[in-house]
């Protein structure tokens, strides 16, 4: 069927989150089918009805850029939520653990002078990343499309996450092993916090990779 072939081509031309992409393709199929059904009811045979429905809908190369732009924004919104929520959660969690569950009071009390400066700087960076995620989320939302190039915002979120990853690893190692005793937290809370952090970072890295991938997709040319 011509509609099936058209929808398959549209699906292959798009890249983005599975759910929104599926919804777009299903919506396009339903619209084409409804148009073809109406034309068939007017007396056309099915093949001609589908041909006219597809012609009226537009070539894949003509409509795909608009669909892809929405999928790109959807990828950015998802990562924006993760940053806006996840990064502050990790910051507050670790700050509370270092205060409430030190392995020994002596180690925490007599930490080096640089320790608080480095830890506070990392917290400020994290909060800045979370704030940027919130701003990007608003900018990419359906009700706040006041930017003209959502692709750049989505791509910047992916770059930001991947750029912050080595910084977090290095600074985390410095904070952990830069004191006389690296065992600065009670074991069980530390293990649980590391699991939560790993899960959040895993989701952010996945989201960042997807944002970079969808913003590299060349849009079809008409």
Foldseek 3Di string as FASTA:
>chain_A
DVLVVQLVVLLVQAAADPVLSVVVSVVLSVQLVVQLVVVVVVPDDSVVSSVVSDVVVPHSLVCSVVSLQLRLLVLLLVLLVLLLPVLLVLLVLVVCQLVPFWPDPVQSVPWDPCLVVLSVVVSVVSNVSNVLSPVLNQCSDPVNVPDDCNLVSLLVQLVVLVVCVVVCVVSVCCNQPVTPHSRTGDPPSVVVSVVSVVVSSVVNNVSSVSSNVSSVRDRRHD
